[in-house]
Amino acid sequence: RRLTSKEHAAERAKEVRVPGSGALKTAGVAVDSTDRWWLRPDRDNTTHLSVIDANRMSVALTQSLGPSLGSRLTASGLGFLYATRLGDVPGSRPGSTISPTIVTDPSGRLRYVLGGAGDSRIITAVIQTLSRAIDQQMPLERAVAAPRLHPMDGMTLTMERDSVTRIAWSDADMERLKALGFTLQLSPSTFYGRVHAVTIDEETRRFIGVAEPRGFGAAAGPVK
């Protein structure tokens, strides 16, 4: 209840760092912001599954091993590999950017089930998808396919522009961001997170699943 409260959200909003205002901190220890760990290539180590059943029971499941098949170790008899994500400071909680998300409306009715793959770009992909769907009231398919951006160091943003997927920000949008003082870098669609999402159309009662057009994956359901 505390983590989902408006008061907690307001407190965390006050802690958002202004771009370029100084070093990041992890568990109270300064981290070199020049490392740019969010630019490391994603090697398809993460899988996401979004599900809604006939009773509106839902699951958002993101599984990730980390690079090179995780730790390459298994526990005897269990049959799965352990991930490599450990804390970078002794005693700290292991960091993670996975973002399995279930959204309900104020009455508790299920609205969206989503998540994705793509290391740090998962977070921005999920947030932008939800903003398009909720704030801009886009159909889910358009919300997932809409062009994305990702913050870099300082006042630099990567902006999606891809000749293959034909997903791109307009020149007008980019000029507005430049006017705010941002430096823009163009990146192909493969750079951004891969979102898979499910919703229910309340008017038609149809279940709608959307797979990421930028990568692999599929949406499926039972046939009556």
Protein backbone atom coordinates (compact mmCIF):
# COMPACT_ATOMS: atom_id res chain seq x y z
CA ARG A 1 0.00 0.00 0.00
CA ARG A 2 2.84 2.36 0.83
CA LEU A 3 4.71 1.73 -2.44
CA THR A 4 1.61 2.43 -4.55
CA SER A 5 0.46 5.50 -2.60
CA LYS A 6 0.31 9.02 -4.04
CA GLU A 7 2.40 10.26 -1.09
CA HIS A 8 5.25 7.88 -1.86
CA ALA A 9 5.11 8.83 -5.55
CA ALA A 10 5.37 12.53 -4.62
CA GLU A 11 8.37 11.88 -2.38
CA ARG A 12 10.17 9.93 -5.10
CA ALA A 13 9.35 12.60 -7.68
CA LYS A 14 11.23 15.14 -5.55
CA GLU A 15 14.29 12.90 -5.68
CA VAL A 16 14.48 12.80 -9.49
CA ARG A 17 17.89 14.10 -10.53
CA VAL A 18 18.03 16.96 -12.99
CA PRO A 19 20.02 15.84 -16.07
CA GLY A 20 23.68 16.70 -15.72
CA SER A 21 23.44 17.64 -12.02
CA GLY A 22 26.08 15.23 -10.74
CA ALA A 23 27.08 11.65 -10.04
CA LEU A 24 24.57 8.88 -9.48
CA LYS A 25 24.58 6.99 -6.19
CA THR A 26 23.95 3.33 -5.50
CA ALA A 27 23.41 2.30 -1.86
CA GLY A 28 24.97 5.61 -0.81
CA VAL A 29 28.15 5.05 -2.85
CA ALA A 30 28.96 7.30 -5.80
CA VAL A 31 28.95 5.57 -9.20
CA ASP A 32 31.00 6.76 -12.15
CA SER A 33 28.38 8.15 -14.54
CA THR A 34 30.83 7.87 -17.46
CA ASP A 35 30.50 4.07 -17.38
CA ARG A 36 27.30 4.36 -19.47
CA TRP A 37 26.22 0.84 -18.55
CA TRP A 38 22.83 1.47 -20.16
CA LEU A 39 24.51 1.46 -23.58
CA ARG A 40 25.91 -2.03 -23.30
CA PRO A 41 24.46 -4.24 -26.05
CA ASP A 42 21.42 -6.36 -25.25
CA ARG A 43 22.15 -9.98 -26.18
CA ASP A 44 18.64 -11.40 -26.01
CA ASN A 45 19.03 -12.67 -22.45
CA THR A 46 15.59 -11.59 -21.27
CA THR A 47 12.12 -13.05 -21.92
CA HIS A 48 8.75 -11.54 -21.04
CA LEU A 49 5.27 -13.10 -20.95
CA SER A 50 1.97 -11.21 -20.45
CA VAL A 51 -1.20 -13.27 -19.87
CA ILE A 52 -4.88 -12.69 -19.08
CA ASP A 53 -7.29 -15.62 -18.68
CA ALA A 54 -11.07 -15.79 -19.06
CA ASN A 55 -11.54 -14.85 -15.39
CA ARG A 56 -9.27 -11.79 -15.74
CA MET A 57 -6.56 -13.42 -13.70
CA SER A 58 -3.30 -12.03 -15.03
CA VAL A 59 0.45 -12.60 -14.97
CA ALA A 60 3.32 -10.33 -16.02
CA LEU A 61 6.48 -12.44 -15.97
CA THR A 62 9.98 -11.24 -16.89
CA GLN A 63 12.88 -13.67 -16.68
CA SER A 64 16.51 -12.72 -17.25
CA LEU A 65 19.79 -14.56 -16.81
CA GLY A 66 22.16 -11.76 -17.69
CA PRO A 67 24.97 -12.07 -20.24
CA SER A 68 26.41 -15.38 -21.50
CA LEU A 69 23.81 -17.78 -20.06
CA GLY A 70 23.92 -16.20 -16.62
CA SER A 71 26.20 -17.74 -14.02
CA ARG A 72 26.36 -21.02 -16.01
CA LEU A 73 25.57 -22.86 -12.78
CA THR A 74 22.57 -24.98 -11.83
CA ALA A 75 21.36 -26.47 -8.57
CA SER A 76 21.31 -30.25 -8.67
CA GLY A 77 17.92 -31.61 -9.69
CA LEU A 78 16.29 -28.24 -10.36
CA GLY A 79 17.22 -27.85 -14.02
CA PHE A 80 17.56 -24.10 -14.39
CA LEU A 81 20.46 -21.66 -14.60
CA TYR A 82 21.13 -18.91 -12.05
CA ALA A 83 21.35 -15.29 -13.17
CA THR A 84 24.43 -13.08 -12.84
CA ARG A 85 22.74 -10.05 -11.28
CA LEU A 86 24.48 -9.43 -7.95
CA GLY A 87 24.81 -6.20 -5.97
CA ASP A 88 27.70 -3.95 -6.98
CA VAL A 89 28.21 -2.84 -3.35
CA PRO A 90 28.68 -5.40 -0.52
CA GLY A 91 25.40 -5.85 1.32
CA SER A 92 23.37 -3.95 -1.29
CA ARG A 93 20.26 -5.26 -2.96
CA PRO A 94 20.92 -6.65 -6.46
CA GLY A 95 19.99 -4.14 -9.11
CA SER A 96 17.47 -4.95 -11.82
CA THR A 97 15.72 -3.12 -14.64
CA ILE A 98 13.03 -5.73 -15.32
CA SER A 99 9.58 -4.13 -15.09
CA PRO A 100 6.68 -6.62 -15.18
CA THR A 101 3.62 -4.39 -14.78
CA ILE A 102 -0.09 -4.85 -14.12
CA VAL A 103 -2.32 -1.77 -14.33
CA THR A 104 -5.83 -1.48 -12.85
CA ASP A 105 -8.24 1.45 -12.85
CA PRO A 106 -9.44 3.14 -9.61
CA SER A 107 -12.24 0.58 -9.26
CA GLY A 108 -9.75 -2.29 -9.41
CA ARG A 109 -10.69 -3.38 -12.93
CA LEU A 110 -7.81 -4.82 -14.92
CA ARG A 111 -6.55 -2.54 -17.70
CA TYR A 112 -3.10 -3.57 -18.94
CA VAL A 113 -0.59 -6.36 -18.44
CA LEU A 114 2.85 -5.68 -19.92
CA GLY A 115 6.61 -5.82 -19.59
CA GLY A 116 9.54 -6.39 -21.86
CA ALA A 117 13.18 -7.11 -22.57
CA GLY A 118 16.07 -4.77 -23.31
CA ASP A 119 18.09 -4.14 -20.14
CA SER A 120 17.72 -0.52 -18.96
CA ARG A 121 15.55 0.32 -21.97
CA ILE A 122 12.77 -1.87 -20.52
CA ILE A 123 11.85 0.87 -18.06
CA THR A 124 11.51 3.65 -20.63
CA ALA A 125 9.70 1.35 -23.07
CA VAL A 126 7.08 0.34 -20.48
CA ILE A 127 6.56 3.91 -19.25
CA GLN A 128 6.19 5.33 -22.76
CA THR A 129 3.81 2.56 -23.82
CA LEU A 130 1.56 3.19 -20.81
CA SER A 131 1.68 6.96 -21.29
CA ARG A 132 0.55 6.60 -24.91
CA ALA A 133 -2.23 4.17 -23.93
CA ILE A 134 -3.51 6.02 -20.85
CA ASP A 135 -2.62 9.71 -21.28
CA GLN A 136 -2.98 9.85 -25.06
CA GLN A 137 -5.67 7.12 -25.24
CA MET A 138 -3.98 5.30 -28.11
CA PRO A 139 -5.06 1.75 -28.99
CA LEU A 140 -2.58 -0.67 -27.44
CA GLU A 141 -1.09 -1.66 -30.78
CA ARG A 142 -0.29 1.97 -31.63
CA ALA A 143 1.01 2.63 -28.11
CA VAL A 144 3.53 -0.21 -28.40
CA ALA A 145 4.63 0.79 -31.91
CA ALA A 146 4.94 4.54 -31.29
CA PRO A 147 8.48 5.99 -31.53
CA ARG A 148 10.57 5.89 -28.37
CA LEU A 149 13.38 7.81 -26.78
CA HIS A 150 15.86 6.91 -24.06
CA PRO A 151 17.84 9.26 -21.76
CA MET A 152 21.60 9.07 -21.90
CA ASP A 153 24.15 10.97 -19.84
CA GLY A 154 23.56 14.64 -19.13
CA MET A 155 21.19 16.30 -21.57
CA THR A 156 21.46 13.69 -24.34
CA LEU A 157 18.50 11.67 -25.63
CA THR A 158 18.50 8.83 -28.11
CA MET A 159 15.65 9.22 -30.58
CA GLU A 160 14.22 6.36 -32.61
CA ARG A 161 14.54 6.58 -36.39
CA ASP A 162 14.68 3.37 -38.38
CA SER A 163 14.42 2.88 -42.15
CA VAL A 164 13.46 -0.81 -41.78
CA THR A 165 10.64 -0.57 -39.21
CA ARG A 166 9.76 2.94 -40.44
CA ILE A 167 9.28 4.00 -36.82
CA ALA A 168 10.57 7.54 -36.32
CA TRP A 169 10.04 10.78 -34.46
CA SER A 170 8.97 13.70 -36.59
CA ASP A 171 11.35 16.55 -37.31
CA ALA A 172 8.99 18.88 -35.44
CA ASP A 173 9.17 16.73 -32.28
CA MET A 174 12.95 16.70 -32.40
CA GLU A 175 13.15 20.44 -32.95
CA ARG A 176 11.02 21.01 -29.84
CA LEU A 177 13.41 18.86 -27.78
CA LYS A 178 16.42 20.71 -29.17
CA ALA A 179 14.78 23.99 -28.17
CA LEU A 180 14.63 22.67 -24.57
CA GLY A 181 18.40 22.18 -24.62
CA PHE A 182 18.67 18.46 -25.35
CA THR A 183 21.30 16.92 -27.59
CA LEU A 184 19.71 14.25 -29.80
CA GLN A 185 21.20 11.03 -31.16
CA LEU A 186 19.38 8.87 -33.71
CA SER A 187 19.24 5.13 -33.01
CA PRO A 188 17.62 2.19 -34.85
CA SER A 189 14.58 0.38 -33.45
CA THR A 190 16.72 -2.56 -32.27
CA PHE A 191 18.24 -0.31 -29.57
CA TYR A 192 14.98 0.08 -27.63
CA GLY A 193 13.14 -2.23 -25.25
CA ARG A 194 10.83 -4.95 -26.60
CA VAL A 195 7.37 -4.73 -25.02
CA HIS A 196 4.69 -7.44 -25.01
CA ALA A 197 1.31 -6.37 -23.70
CA VAL A 198 -2.28 -7.55 -23.25
CA THR A 199 -5.50 -5.64 -22.56
CA ILE A 200 -9.28 -6.13 -22.68
CA ASP A 201 -11.56 -4.00 -24.85
CA GLU A 202 -14.39 -3.25 -22.42
CA GLU A 203 -16.89 -2.45 -25.19
CA THR A 204 -16.42 -5.61 -27.25
CA ARG A 205 -15.07 -7.84 -24.41
CA ARG A 206 -12.27 -8.89 -26.76
CA PHE A 207 -8.85 -9.76 -25.43
CA ILE A 208 -6.13 -7.89 -27.29
CA GLY A 209 -2.48 -9.00 -27.29
CA VAL A 210 0.32 -7.00 -28.89
CA ALA A 211 3.82 -8.29 -29.61
CA GLU A 212 6.73 -5.91 -30.07
CA PRO A 213 7.12 -4.93 -33.76
CA ARG A 214 10.80 -4.09 -33.15
CA GLY A 215 11.81 -7.64 -32.26
CA PHE A 216 10.64 -11.20 -32.04
CA GLY A 217 7.65 -12.58 -30.16
CA ALA A 218 3.97 -13.18 -30.83
CA ALA A 219 0.49 -12.69 -29.45
CA ALA A 220 -1.88 -15.67 -29.27
CA GLY A 221 -5.10 -16.89 -27.69
CA PRO A 222 -7.41 -19.92 -27.70
CA VAL A 223 -9.80 -20.43 -30.59
CA LYS A 224 -13.41 -21.15 -29.68
